[in-house]
C-alpha atoms as a PDB file:
ATOM      1  CA  UNK A   1     -25.692  46.903 -28.523  1.00  0.00           C
ATOM      2  CA  UNK A   2     -22.919  44.342 -27.846  1.00  0.00           C
ATOM      3  CA  UNK A   3     -19.374  45.660 -27.565  1.00  0.00           C
ATOM      4  CA  UNK A   4     -16.935  44.837 -30.339  1.00  0.00           C
ATOM      5  CA  UNK A   5     -14.529  42.069 -29.289  1.00  0.00           C
ATOM      6  CA  UNK A   6     -10.785  42.242 -29.877  1.00  0.00           C
ATOM      7  CA  UNK A   7      -8.286  39.443 -29.280  1.00  0.00           C
ATOM      8  CA  UNK A   8      -4.802  40.700 -28.396  1.00  0.00           C
ATOM      9  CA  UNK A   9      -1.881  38.277 -28.747  1.00  0.00           C
ATOM     10  CA  UNK A  10       1.616  38.977 -27.398  1.00  0.00           C
ATOM     11  CA  UNK A  11       4.061  37.113 -25.156  1.00  0.00           C
ATOM     12  CA  UNK A  12       5.143  40.386 -23.518  1.00  0.00           C
ATOM     13  CA  UNK A  13       2.865  41.032 -20.477  1.00  0.00           C
ATOM     14  CA  UNK A  14       3.681  44.765 -20.518  1.00  0.00           C
ATOM     15  CA  UNK A  15       2.478  45.102 -24.134  1.00  0.00           C
ATOM     16  CA  UNK A  16      -0.672  43.130 -23.275  1.00  0.00           C
ATOM     17  CA  UNK A  17      -1.361  45.461 -20.351  1.00  0.00           C
ATOM     18  CA  UNK A  18      -1.006  48.583 -22.518  1.00  0.00           C
ATOM     19  CA  UNK A  19      -3.246  47.112 -25.224  1.00  0.00           C
ATOM     20  CA  UNK A  20      -5.871  45.945 -22.754  1.00  0.00           C
ATOM     21  CA  UNK A  21      -6.081  49.215 -20.793  1.00  0.00           C
ATOM     22  CA  UNK A  22      -6.120  51.364 -23.947  1.00  0.00           C
ATOM     23  CA  UNK A  23      -8.815  49.340 -25.728  1.00  0.00           C
ATOM     24  CA  UNK A  24     -11.048  48.798 -22.696  1.00  0.00           C
ATOM     25  CA  UNK A  25     -10.992  52.549 -22.032  1.00  0.00           C
ATOM     26  CA  UNK A  26     -12.481  52.942 -25.531  1.00  0.00           C
ATOM     27  CA  UNK A  27     -15.306  50.504 -24.758  1.00  0.00           C
ATOM     28  CA  UNK A  28     -13.992  47.379 -26.500  1.00  0.00           C
ATOM     29  CA  UNK A  29     -14.224  43.895 -24.997  1.00  0.00           C
ATOM     30  CA  UNK A  30     -10.658  42.558 -24.831  1.00  0.00           C
ATOM     31  CA  UNK A  31      -9.554  38.913 -24.782  1.00  0.00           C
ATOM     32  CA  UNK A  32      -5.884  38.161 -24.046  1.00  0.00           C
ATOM     33  CA  UNK A  33      -3.767  35.474 -25.704  1.00  0.00           C
ATOM     34  CA  UNK A  34      -0.132  34.781 -24.798  1.00  0.00           C
ATOM     35  CA  UNK A  35       1.095  33.122 -28.003  1.00  0.00           C
ATOM     36  CA  UNK A  36      -0.056  32.238 -31.517  1.00  0.00           C
ATOM     37  CA  UNK A  37      -1.638  28.909 -30.637  1.00  0.00           C
ATOM     38  CA  UNK A  38      -3.492  30.469 -27.720  1.00  0.00           C
ATOM     39  CA  UNK A  39      -4.775  33.193 -30.079  1.00  0.00           C
ATOM     40  CA  UNK A  40      -6.241  30.632 -32.482  1.00  0.00           C
ATOM     41  CA  UNK A  41      -8.033  28.847 -29.634  1.00  0.00           C
ATOM     42  CA  UNK A  42      -9.448  32.113 -28.250  1.00  0.00           C
ATOM     43  CA  UNK A  43     -10.623  33.220 -31.701  1.00  0.00           C
ATOM     44  CA  UNK A  44     -12.429  29.930 -32.312  1.00  0.00           C
ATOM     45  CA  UNK A  45     -14.343  30.304 -29.034  1.00  0.00           C
ATOM     46  CA  UNK A  46     -14.986  34.060 -29.038  1.00  0.00           C
ATOM     47  CA  UNK A  47     -15.573  34.930 -32.744  1.00  0.00           C
ATOM     48  CA  UNK A  48     -13.976  38.388 -32.283  1.00  0.00           C
ATOM     49  CA  UNK A  49     -14.261  41.429 -34.545  1.00  0.00           C
ATOM     50  CA  UNK A  50     -10.501  42.055 -34.703  1.00  0.00           C
ATOM     51  CA  UNK A  51      -7.138  40.446 -33.897  1.00  0.00           C
ATOM     52  CA  UNK A  52      -4.091  42.437 -32.824  1.00  0.00           C
ATOM     53  CA  UNK A  53      -1.059  40.152 -32.828  1.00  0.00           C
ATOM     54  CA  UNK A  54       2.674  40.425 -32.358  1.00  0.00           C
ATOM     55  CA  UNK A  55       4.820  39.076 -35.179  1.00  0.00           C
ATOM     56  CA  UNK A  56       7.289  37.083 -33.076  1.00  0.00           C
ATOM     57  CA  UNK A  57       5.690  34.781 -30.472  1.00  0.00           C
ATOM     58  CA  UNK A  58       6.276  31.346 -28.902  1.00  0.00           C
ATOM     59  CA  UNK A  59       4.700  28.218 -30.442  1.00  0.00           C
ATOM     60  CA  UNK A  60       3.441  30.123 -33.501  1.00  0.00           C
ATOM     61  CA  UNK A  61       4.435  33.462 -35.065  1.00  0.00           C
ATOM     62  CA  UNK A  62       1.904  36.093 -36.080  1.00  0.00           C
ATOM     63  CA  UNK A  63       2.268  35.528 -39.819  1.00  0.00           C
ATOM     64  CA  UNK A  64       1.452  31.817 -39.396  1.00  0.00           C
ATOM     65  CA  UNK A  65      -1.612  32.742 -37.334  1.00  0.00           C
ATOM     66  CA  UNK A  66      -2.688  35.058 -40.173  1.00  0.00           C
ATOM     67  CA  UNK A  67      -2.312  32.363 -42.821  1.00  0.00           C
ATOM     68  CA  UNK A  68      -4.354  29.849 -40.821  1.00  0.00           C
ATOM     69  CA  UNK A  69      -7.146  32.350 -40.159  1.00  0.00           C
ATOM     70  CA  UNK A  70      -7.353  33.471 -43.788  1.00  0.00           C
ATOM     71  CA  UNK A  71      -7.960  29.839 -44.812  1.00  0.00           C
ATOM     72  CA  UNK A  72     -10.889  29.482 -42.411  1.00  0.00           C
ATOM     73  CA  UNK A  73     -14.107  30.559 -44.149  1.00  0.00           C
ATOM     74  CA  UNK A  74     -15.760  31.499 -40.868  1.00  0.00           C
ATOM     75  CA  UNK A  75     -13.099  34.002 -39.761  1.00  0.00           C
ATOM     76  CA  UNK A  76     -11.181  34.849 -42.945  1.00  0.00           C
ATOM     77  CA  UNK A  77     -12.913  38.248 -43.158  1.00  0.00           C
ATOM     78  CA  UNK A  78     -11.872  39.242 -39.622  1.00  0.00           C
ATOM     79  CA  UNK A  79      -9.303  42.090 -39.835  1.00  0.00           C
ATOM     80  CA  UNK A  80      -5.828  41.649 -38.367  1.00  0.00           C
ATOM     81  CA  UNK A  81      -3.373  44.288 -37.134  1.00  0.00           C
ATOM     82  CA  UNK A  82       0.221  43.067 -36.882  1.00  0.00           C
ATOM     83  CA  UNK A  83       2.674  44.475 -34.318  1.00  0.00           C
ATOM     84  CA  UNK A  84       6.318  44.525 -35.402  1.00  0.00           C
ATOM     85  CA  UNK A  85       9.618  45.645 -33.911  1.00  0.00           C
ATOM     86  CA  UNK A  86      11.098  48.985 -34.922  1.00  0.00           C
ATOM     87  CA  UNK A  87      12.744  48.874 -38.326  1.00  0.00           C
ATOM     88  CA  UNK A  88      11.918  45.191 -38.963  1.00  0.00           C
ATOM     89  CA  UNK A  89      10.739  45.694 -42.547  1.00  0.00           C
ATOM     90  CA  UNK A  90      10.870  41.981 -43.358  1.00  0.00           C
ATOM     91  CA  UNK A  91       8.356  41.296 -40.581  1.00  0.00           C
ATOM     92  CA  UNK A  92       5.934  43.827 -42.068  1.00  0.00           C
ATOM     93  CA  UNK A  93       6.272  42.271 -45.508  1.00  0.00           C
ATOM     94  CA  UNK A  94       5.710  38.753 -44.158  1.00  0.00           C
ATOM     95  CA  UNK A  95       2.686  39.913 -42.172  1.00  0.00           C
ATOM     96  CA  UNK A  96       1.049  41.656 -45.116  1.00  0.00           C
ATOM     97  CA  UNK A  97       1.702  38.695 -47.409  1.00  0.00           C
ATOM     98  CA  UNK A  98       0.141  36.406 -44.797  1.00  0.00           C
ATOM     99  CA  UNK A  99      -3.033  38.493 -44.791  1.00  0.00           C
ATOM    100  CA  UNK A 100      -2.604  41.211 -42.143  1.00  0.00           C
ATOM    101  CA  UNK A 101      -4.779  44.272 -42.890  1.00  0.00           C
ATOM    102  CA  UNK A 102      -2.563  46.792 -41.131  1.00  0.00           C
ATOM    103  CA  UNK A 103       0.571  46.949 -38.976  1.00  0.00           C
ATOM    104  CA  UNK A 104       2.017  49.075 -36.192  1.00  0.00           C
ATOM    105  CA  UNK A 105       5.595  49.459 -35.013  1.00  0.00           C
ATOM    106  CA  UNK A 106       6.403  48.958 -31.316  1.00  0.00           C
ATOM    107  CA  UNK A 107       6.566  51.007 -29.204  1.00  0.00           C
ATOM    108  CA  UNK A 108       3.324  52.663 -30.364  1.00  0.00           C
ATOM    109  CA  UNK A 109       1.287  55.647 -29.228  1.00  0.00           C
ATOM    110  CA  UNK A 110      -2.023  54.553 -27.622  1.00  0.00           C
ATOM    111  CA  UNK A 111      -3.932  57.280 -29.496  1.00  0.00           C
ATOM    112  CA  UNK A 112      -2.586  56.020 -32.822  1.00  0.00           C
ATOM    113  CA  UNK A 113      -3.540  52.451 -31.890  1.00  0.00           C
ATOM    114  CA  UNK A 114      -7.126  53.512 -31.144  1.00  0.00           C
ATOM    115  CA  UNK A 115      -7.302  55.407 -34.448  1.00  0.00           C
ATOM    116  CA  UNK A 116      -5.974  52.400 -36.397  1.00  0.00           C
ATOM    117  CA  UNK A 117      -8.396  50.014 -34.684  1.00  0.00           C
ATOM    118  CA  UNK A 118     -11.345  52.301 -35.407  1.00  0.00           C
ATOM    119  CA  UNK A 119     -10.275  52.718 -39.038  1.00  0.00           C
ATOM    120  CA  UNK A 120      -9.843  48.973 -39.658  1.00  0.00           C
ATOM    121  CA  UNK A 121     -13.173  48.067 -38.039  1.00  0.00           C
ATOM    122  CA  UNK A 122     -14.980  50.818 -39.947  1.00  0.00           C
ATOM    123  CA  UNK A 123     -13.421  49.743 -43.242  1.00  0.00           C
ATOM    124  CA  UNK A 124     -14.305  46.111 -42.607  1.00  0.00           C
ATOM    125  CA  UNK A 125     -17.921  46.962 -41.757  1.00  0.00           C
ATOM    126  CA  UNK A 126     -18.162  48.940 -44.994  1.00  0.00           C
ATOM    127  CA  UNK A 127     -16.552  46.308 -47.179  1.00  0.00           C
ATOM    128  CA  UNK A 128     -18.188  43.266 -45.592  1.00  0.00           C
ATOM    129  CA  UNK A 129     -21.723  43.182 -44.276  1.00  0.00           C
ATOM    130  CA  UNK A 130     -20.874  40.250 -42.014  1.00  0.00           C
ATOM    131  CA  UNK A 131     -23.588  38.543 -40.000  1.00  0.00           C
ATOM    132  CA  UNK A 132     -22.847  39.284 -36.316  1.00  0.00           C
ATOM    133  CA  UNK A 133     -23.691  35.730 -35.203  1.00  0.00           C
ATOM    134  CA  UNK A 134     -21.724  33.625 -37.708  1.00  0.00           C
ATOM    135  CA  UNK A 135     -19.352  36.290 -39.123  1.00  0.00           C
ATOM    136  CA  UNK A 136     -20.240  34.994 -42.593  1.00  0.00           C
ATOM    137  CA  UNK A 137     -20.746  37.538 -45.412  1.00  0.00           C
ATOM    138  CA  UNK A 138     -24.240  39.040 -45.613  1.00  0.00           C
ATOM    139  CA  UNK A 139     -26.682  40.093 -48.327  1.00  0.00           C
ATOM    140  CA  UNK A 140     -24.547  42.627 -50.200  1.00  0.00           C
ATOM    141  CA  UNK A 141     -21.605  40.243 -50.435  1.00  0.00           C
ATOM    142  CA  UNK A 142     -23.902  37.384 -51.497  1.00  0.00           C
ATOM    143  CA  UNK A 143     -25.420  39.394 -54.337  1.00  0.00           C
ATOM    144  CA  UNK A 144     -21.976  40.614 -55.423  1.00  0.00           C
ATOM    145  CA  UNK A 145     -20.630  37.046 -55.476  1.00  0.00           C
ATOM    146  CA  UNK A 146     -23.492  35.728 -57.629  1.00  0.00           C
ATOM    147  CA  UNK A 147     -23.274  38.724 -59.970  1.00  0.00           C
ATOM    148  CA  UNK A 148     -19.523  38.167 -60.311  1.00  0.00           C
ATOM    149  CA  UNK A 149     -20.156  34.601 -61.523  1.00  0.00           C
ATOM    150  CA  UNK A 150     -22.839  35.785 -63.966  1.00  0.00           C
ATOM    151  CA  UNK A 151     -20.601  38.540 -65.355  1.00  0.00           C
ATOM    152  CA  UNK A 152     -17.678  36.129 -65.777  1.00  0.00           C
ATOM    153  CA  UNK A 153     -19.990  33.794 -67.752  1.00  0.00           C
ATOM    154  CA  UNK A 154     -18.675  30.791 -65.861  1.00  0.00           C
ATOM    155  CA  UNK A 155     -20.533  27.729 -64.645  1.00  0.00           C
ATOM    156  CA  UNK A 156     -21.910  28.050 -61.145  1.00  0.00           C
ATOM    157  CA  UNK A 157     -24.488  26.623 -58.763  1.00  0.00           C
ATOM    158  CA  UNK A 158     -26.193  28.540 -55.967  1.00  0.00           C
ATOM    159  CA  UNK A 159     -27.604  26.606 -53.016  1.00  0.00           C
ATOM    160  CA  UNK A 160     -30.337  28.317 -50.971  1.00  0.00           C
ATOM    161  CA  UNK A 161     -30.329  26.675 -47.539  1.00  0.00           C
ATOM    162  CA  UNK A 162     -33.053  26.934 -44.916  1.00  0.00           C
ATOM    163  CA  UNK A 163     -33.907  25.143 -41.658  1.00  0.00           C
ATOM    164  CA  UNK A 164     -37.373  23.579 -41.375  1.00  0.00           C
ATOM    165  CA  UNK A 165     -39.464  24.101 -38.204  1.00  0.00           C
ATOM    166  CA  UNK A 166     -36.834  26.499 -36.844  1.00  0.00           C
ATOM    167  CA  UNK A 167     -39.251  29.167 -35.561  1.00  0.00           C
ATOM    168  CA  UNK A 168     -41.255  26.664 -33.514  1.00  0.00           C
ATOM    169  CA  UNK A 169     -38.028  25.190 -32.093  1.00  0.00           C
ATOM    170  CA  UNK A 170     -36.899  28.725 -31.216  1.00  0.00           C
ATOM    171  CA  UNK A 171     -40.205  29.476 -29.501  1.00  0.00           C
ATOM    172  CA  UNK A 172     -39.939  26.393 -27.275  1.00  0.00           C
ATOM    173  CA  UNK A 173     -36.216  26.181 -26.525  1.00  0.00           C
ATOM    174  CA  UNK A 174     -35.345  29.886 -26.595  1.00  0.00           C
ATOM    175  CA  UNK A 175     -33.120  32.188 -28.649  1.00  0.00           C
ATOM    176  CA  UNK A 176     -29.874  30.999 -27.066  1.00  0.00           C
ATOM    177  CA  UNK A 177     -30.491  27.439 -28.283  1.00  0.00           C
ATOM    178  CA  UNK A 178     -31.664  28.827 -31.617  1.00  0.00           C
ATOM    179  CA  UNK A 179     -28.429  30.791 -32.014  1.00  0.00           C
ATOM    180  CA  UNK A 180     -26.476  27.629 -31.233  1.00  0.00           C
ATOM    181  CA  UNK A 181     -28.206  25.832 -34.133  1.00  0.00           C
ATOM    182  CA  UNK A 182     -27.382  28.707 -36.497  1.00  0.00           C
ATOM    183  CA  UNK A 183     -23.699  28.662 -35.534  1.00  0.00           C
ATOM    184  CA  UNK A 184     -23.460  24.870 -35.762  1.00  0.00           C
ATOM    185  CA  UNK A 185     -25.148  24.959 -39.171  1.00  0.00           C
ATOM    186  CA  UNK A 186     -22.562  27.495 -40.337  1.00  0.00           C
ATOM    187  CA  UNK A 187     -19.812  25.123 -39.191  1.00  0.00           C
ATOM    188  CA  UNK A 188     -21.467  22.240 -41.051  1.00  0.00           C
ATOM    189  CA  UNK A 189     -21.509  24.287 -44.260  1.00  0.00           C
ATOM    190  CA  UNK A 190     -17.867  25.213 -43.809  1.00  0.00           C
ATOM    191  CA  UNK A 191     -16.680  21.659 -43.094  1.00  0.00           C
ATOM    192  CA  UNK A 192     -18.695  20.315 -46.043  1.00  0.00           C
ATOM    193  CA  UNK A 193     -17.132  22.868 -48.398  1.00  0.00           C
ATOM    194  CA  UNK A 194     -13.678  22.036 -47.079  1.00  0.00           C
ATOM    195  CA  UNK A 195     -14.276  18.303 -47.659  1.00  0.00           C
ATOM    196  CA  UNK A 196     -16.414  18.274 -50.812  1.00  0.00           C
ATOM    197  CA  UNK A 197     -16.164  21.700 -52.421  1.00  0.00           C
ATOM    198  CA  UNK A 198     -13.675  23.992 -54.163  1.00  0.00           C
ATOM    199  CA  UNK A 199     -11.276  26.541 -52.618  1.00  0.00           C
ATOM    200  CA  UNK A 200     -13.199  29.379 -54.323  1.00  0.00           C
ATOM    201  CA  UNK A 201     -16.620  28.301 -53.036  1.00  0.00           C
ATOM    202  CA  UNK A 202     -18.539  31.006 -51.177  1.00  0.00           C
ATOM    203  CA  UNK A 203     -20.745  30.765 -48.068  1.00  0.00           C
ATOM    204  CA  UNK A 204     -23.038  33.612 -47.041  1.00  0.00           C
ATOM    205  CA  UNK A 205     -25.558  34.138 -44.251  1.00  0.00           C
ATOM    206  CA  UNK A 206     -28.696  35.958 -45.377  1.00  0.00           C
ATOM    207  CA  UNK A 207     -29.957  36.144 -41.795  1.00  0.00           C
ATOM    208  CA  UNK A 208     -31.867  33.989 -39.332  1.00  0.00           C
ATOM    209  CA  UNK A 209     -31.767  30.389 -40.549  1.00  0.00           C
ATOM    210  CA  UNK A 210     -31.150  31.259 -44.224  1.00  0.00           C
ATOM    211  CA  UNK A 211     -27.775  30.602 -45.879  1.00  0.00           C
ATOM    212  CA  UNK A 212     -26.390  30.707 -49.418  1.00  0.00           C
ATOM    213  CA  UNK A 213     -23.585  28.574 -50.833  1.00  0.00           C
ATOM    214  CA  UNK A 214     -22.060  29.268 -54.257  1.00  0.00           C
ATOM    215  CA  UNK A 215     -20.136  26.431 -55.868  1.00  0.00           C
ATOM    216  CA  UNK A 216     -19.698  24.553 -59.174  1.00  0.00           C
ATOM    217  CA  UNK A 217     -22.426  22.304 -60.661  1.00  0.00           C
ATOM    218  CA  UNK A 218     -20.280  19.162 -60.412  1.00  0.00           C
ATOM    219  CA  UNK A 219     -19.957  19.666 -56.634  1.00  0.00           C
ATOM    220  CA  UNK A 220     -23.687  19.880 -55.863  1.00  0.00           C
ATOM    221  CA  UNK A 221     -24.392  16.232 -55.042  1.00  0.00           C
ATOM    222  CA  UNK A 222     -21.376  15.755 -52.800  1.00  0.00           C
ATOM    223  CA  UNK A 223     -21.880  19.031 -50.954  1.00  0.00           C
ATOM    224  CA  UNK A 224     -25.627  18.718 -50.404  1.00  0.00           C
ATOM    225  CA  UNK A 225     -25.405  15.095 -49.265  1.00  0.00           C
ATOM    226  CA  UNK A 226     -22.607  16.003 -46.863  1.00  0.00           C
ATOM    227  CA  UNK A 227     -24.575  18.958 -45.423  1.00  0.00           C
ATOM    228  CA  UNK A 228     -27.734  16.874 -44.960  1.00  0.00           C
ATOM    229  CA  UNK A 229     -25.885  13.936 -43.398  1.00  0.00           C
ATOM    230  CA  UNK A 230     -23.991  16.153 -40.944  1.00  0.00           C
ATOM    231  CA  UNK A 231     -27.130  18.129 -40.050  1.00  0.00           C
ATOM    232  CA  UNK A 232     -29.284  15.033 -39.482  1.00  0.00           C
ATOM    233  CA  UNK A 233     -26.589  13.589 -37.198  1.00  0.00           C
ATOM    234  CA  UNK A 234     -26.442  16.858 -35.253  1.00  0.00           C
ATOM    235  CA  UNK A 235     -30.226  17.510 -35.028  1.00  0.00           C
ATOM    236  CA  UNK A 236     -31.098  14.975 -32.267  1.00  0.00           C
ATOM    237  CA  UNK A 237     -28.540  16.638 -29.986  1.00  0.00           C
ATOM    238  CA  UNK A 238     -30.694  19.781 -30.014  1.00  0.00           C
ATOM    239  CA  UNK A 239     -33.632  18.267 -28.113  1.00  0.00           C
ATOM    240  CA  UNK A 240     -34.301  17.114 -24.568  1.00  0.00           C
ATOM    241  CA  UNK A 241     -34.803  13.403 -23.950  1.00  0.00           C
ATOM    242  CA  UNK A 242     -38.588  13.604 -23.743  1.00  0.00           C
ATOM    243  CA  UNK A 243     -39.038  15.395 -27.080  1.00  0.00           C
ATOM    244  CA  UNK A 244     -36.470  13.173 -28.749  1.00  0.00           C
ATOM    245  CA  UNK A 245     -38.266  10.008 -27.658  1.00  0.00           C
ATOM    246  CA  UNK A 246     -41.592  11.387 -28.928  1.00  0.00           C
ATOM    247  CA  UNK A 247     -40.013  12.456 -32.229  1.00  0.00           C
ATOM    248  CA  UNK A 248     -41.840  15.788 -32.207  1.00  0.00           C
ATOM    249  CA  UNK A 249     -42.559  18.919 -30.201  1.00  0.00           C
ATOM    250  CA  UNK A 250     -45.910  20.610 -29.697  1.00  0.00           C
ATOM    251  CA  UNK A 251     -46.271  24.023 -31.281  1.00  0.00           C
ATOM    252  CA  UNK A 252     -48.788  26.372 -32.832  1.00  0.00           C
ATOM    253  CA  UNK A 253     -49.111  26.845 -36.586  1.00  0.00           C
ATOM    254  CA  UNK A 254     -49.920  30.203 -38.241  1.00  0.00           C
ATOM    255  CA  UNK A 255     -53.637  29.785 -37.556  1.00  0.00           C
ATOM    256  CA  UNK A 256     -52.943  29.309 -33.839  1.00  0.00           C
ATOM    257  CA  UNK A 257     -53.768  25.610 -33.736  1.00  0.00           C
ATOM    258  CA  UNK A 258     -51.557  23.319 -31.664  1.00  0.00           C
ATOM    259  CA  UNK A 259     -49.830  20.676 -33.766  1.00  0.00           C
ATOM    260  CA  UNK A 260     -47.197  17.975 -33.475  1.00  0.00           C
ATOM    261  CA  UNK A 261     -44.118  19.459 -35.141  1.00  0.00           C
ATOM    262  CA  UNK A 262     -41.465  17.039 -36.476  1.00  0.00           C
ATOM    263  CA  UNK A 263     -37.816  17.427 -35.477  1.00  0.00           C
ATOM    264  CA  UNK A 264     -35.846  20.140 -37.238  1.00  0.00           C
ATOM    265  CA  UNK A 265     -34.469  19.364 -40.705  1.00  0.00           C
ATOM    266  CA  UNK A 266     -32.659  21.200 -43.508  1.00  0.00           C
ATOM    267  CA  UNK A 267     -33.854  22.055 -47.029  1.00  0.00           C
ATOM    268  CA  UNK A 268     -31.723  23.131 -49.987  1.00  0.00           C
ATOM    269  CA  UNK A 269     -32.859  24.577 -53.320  1.00  0.00           C
ATOM    270  CA  UNK A 270     -30.143  24.507 -55.986  1.00  0.00           C
ATOM    271  CA  UNK A 271     -29.983  26.888 -58.978  1.00  0.00           C
ATOM    272  CA  UNK A 272     -27.464  26.224 -61.758  1.00  0.00           C
ATOM    273  CA  UNK A 273     -26.708  27.782 -65.137  1.00  0.00           C
ATOM    274  CA  UNK A 274     -25.425  24.472 -66.498  1.00  0.00           C
ATOM    275  CA  UNK A 275     -28.511  23.833 -68.644  1.00  0.00           C
ATOM    276  CA  UNK A 276     -30.116  27.263 -68.908  1.00  0.00           C
ATOM    277  CA  UNK A 277     -28.837  30.819 -69.193  1.00  0.00           C
ATOM    278  CA  UNK A 278     -29.458  33.117 -66.247  1.00  0.00           C
ATOM    279  CA  UNK A 279     -28.777  36.760 -66.973  1.00  0.00           C
ATOM    280  CA  UNK A 280     -29.649  38.489 -63.702  1.00  0.00           C
ATOM    281  CA  UNK A 281     -29.002  37.882 -60.019  1.00  0.00           C
ATOM    282  CA  UNK A 282     -32.701  38.493 -59.299  1.00  0.00           C
ATOM    283  CA  UNK A 283     -33.592  35.569 -61.505  1.00  0.00           C
ATOM    284  CA  UNK A 284     -31.284  33.317 -59.494  1.00  0.00           C
ATOM    285  CA  UNK A 285     -33.034  34.406 -56.294  1.00  0.00           C
ATOM    286  CA  UNK A 286     -36.532  33.784 -57.679  1.00  0.00           C
ATOM    287  CA  UNK A 287     -35.706  30.279 -58.913  1.00  0.00           C
ATOM    288  CA  UNK A 288     -33.859  29.494 -55.693  1.00  0.00           C
ATOM    289  CA  UNK A 289     -36.811  30.558 -53.529  1.00  0.00           C
ATOM    290  CA  UNK A 290     -39.171  28.368 -55.550  1.00  0.00           C
ATOM    291  CA  UNK A 291     -36.899  25.317 -55.352  1.00  0.00           C
ATOM    292  CA  UNK A 292     -36.297  25.812 -51.639  1.00  0.00           C
ATOM    293  CA  UNK A 293     -40.028  26.000 -50.931  1.00  0.00           C
ATOM    294  CA  UNK A 294     -40.526  22.770 -52.862  1.00  0.00           C
ATOM    295  CA  UNK A 295     -37.763  21.105 -50.846  1.00  0.00           C
ATOM    296  CA  UNK A 296     -39.428  22.321 -47.620  1.00  0.00           C
ATOM    297  CA  UNK A 297     -42.722  20.712 -48.681  1.00  0.00           C
ATOM    298  CA  UNK A 298     -41.032  17.303 -48.645  1.00  0.00           C
ATOM    299  CA  UNK A 299     -40.598  15.210 -45.515  1.00  0.00           C
ATOM    300  CA  UNK A 300     -37.267  15.492 -43.669  1.00  0.00           C
ATOM    301  CA  UNK A 301     -34.026  16.938 -45.042  1.00  0.00           C
ATOM    302  CA  UNK A 302     -33.786  17.257 -48.827  1.00  0.00           C
ATOM    303  CA  UNK A 303     -32.105  19.090 -51.645  1.00  0.00           C
ATOM    304  CA  UNK A 304     -33.895  19.888 -54.883  1.00  0.00           C
ATOM    305  CA  UNK A 305     -32.663  20.987 -58.286  1.00  0.00           C
ATOM    306  CA  UNK A 306     -34.988  21.722 -61.237  1.00  0.00           C
ATOM    307  CA  UNK A 307     -38.018  20.613 -59.211  1.00  0.00           C
ATOM    308  CA  UNK A 308     -36.667  17.072 -58.877  1.00  0.00           C
ATOM    309  CA  UNK A 309     -36.215  15.527 -55.451  1.00  0.00           C
ATOM    310  CA  UNK A 310     -32.733  14.023 -55.091  1.00  0.00           C
END
């Protein structure tokens, strides 16, 4: 089982040493950052499970780091512990308002730090069933989000997103390359929502190459077209020169026969309550699965709503 990763950010080398030694002794993987900007860069590369950051740092203070992270869909669920100076109440208030999940006053007892870290990680795992690869919310959060929209009786659209020919690609190029596709797809969904969606849109990762995006009906066309365009631009980068020139890879279908498999594409089935009432989250899932399968039966990348190819 992979070790949980923690980014520690502080411009004081002595504090970094204490944090690093204490956390590594408990089995955590520790990544050091020396200021706020450095922390953001390390987090983007490492996708950690937790950030421990000082409030006052060069280039960017801890509260600003918090605010930036909480606006990033991919890492906004990552917990943050803020370190503040003794008696600096205003720092604590700023940190909590910016999105910090907990705070500790320096100097701190190592045993208390370990207890706080364990508590925050445990609470986060309970509250958010995040996918370990993309850090996007998982099945429980997805179902809760859809049910919340149904209960509120508001307009919504749920996009069920799946990659075509992914298993055969994975078999040929290996799991590391497959994981890279999954992470890049997550980034495509996030950037598309940021450009074409709403601030309250939701992105979840069911598992494997299956994602869910919850948005408003009037955003469907713009979002789906953006996702497909970005994915189709990215897809050729996933293959070696020989396979790319051929336009296919050789792989076995379910019956064991070798076939020419087209390059990977993306399919989206869209369920909306704009024209018909949907009373249960299970109904949304059933319709979404049907629409997604229809989209997958079409050539290349597509999105489908109400059994119509768009």
